[in-house]
Amino acid sequence: MNLSDSQTAGQPALPQSSAPLARLSAAEAVFNAIRQDIESATVAVGARLSSEATLAAQYGVSRSVIREALRSCTALGLTVTKTGKGTFVVANKVGNDLTLGHYSARDLTEARPHIEVPAAALAALRRSEEELDMLRQIVAEMARETDPEAWVTLDSTFHATIARASGNNVFASVVAEIRGALAHQSETLNIVADRQAASDTEHHSILAAIESGAAEEAGAAMAAHLDAVGAALDSILNR
């Protein structure tokens, strides 16, 4: 099956277009097709999914797009990937939490406001010109970025840079530790909840407050961003 021109059993028809699909749209389409097959029991619990190469040929996309879609299936608790053996279906419905590397979405949602809100407030007061320039560059690059993997890397870098700019080594160390989980979370939210554009806007608000040296506003902007992320996660889990 090629995403742009055909359909197989258990998979939804996709809109016709003369223009190539963006990678994010392709990953979202592949994810939705695989998720539908799993939730409808077209692919049974315990079954092994086809290899990345086979799925890439089936959907007419690159293997990196397949990997993005499969990571989201794993984050939702629908599949598990075993090194050297493949990806297996372990549930036919989304669980009550997401698995994001070594942490769960609930872990991150509960912890991040206590770390990143005060870090943003301190960054507004303590950031160096070099750190401010780095944040400006990251936000500008994110607004232009069309590659989902590159965008999530920039996203985690943005949050890690704010933590460092806070001048508090505990905040910086904690955010560095969870950076991989943050990237997994961003990738899943972009594919499942279409969060990328909204995050760009929220990041710009955080940057503006840090740039102006407004600690209270920076903390509030970060809190609003984390609230929106939490709401998107809830929408995924409560579908």
Foldseek 3Di string as FASTA:
>chain_A
DALQDDDDPQADRDDHDPDDDFLLVLLLRLLVSVLSCLLVCVPPAFHFDDDLVVSCVVHVHDSVSVVLSVLLCQQQVQWDADPPPGIGGHDNGGDQWGDQPPDIPVVCLVPVLVQQLQLLLLLLAQADPVLLVVLVVLLVCLVVDRDLLVNLLSVLVNSLSSNVSSVDVVSNVVSVVCSSSSSSLSSNCCSPVVCSVVLSVLSVQLSVSSVNSNSNSNSVSVVVSSVVSVVSRCVRSVD
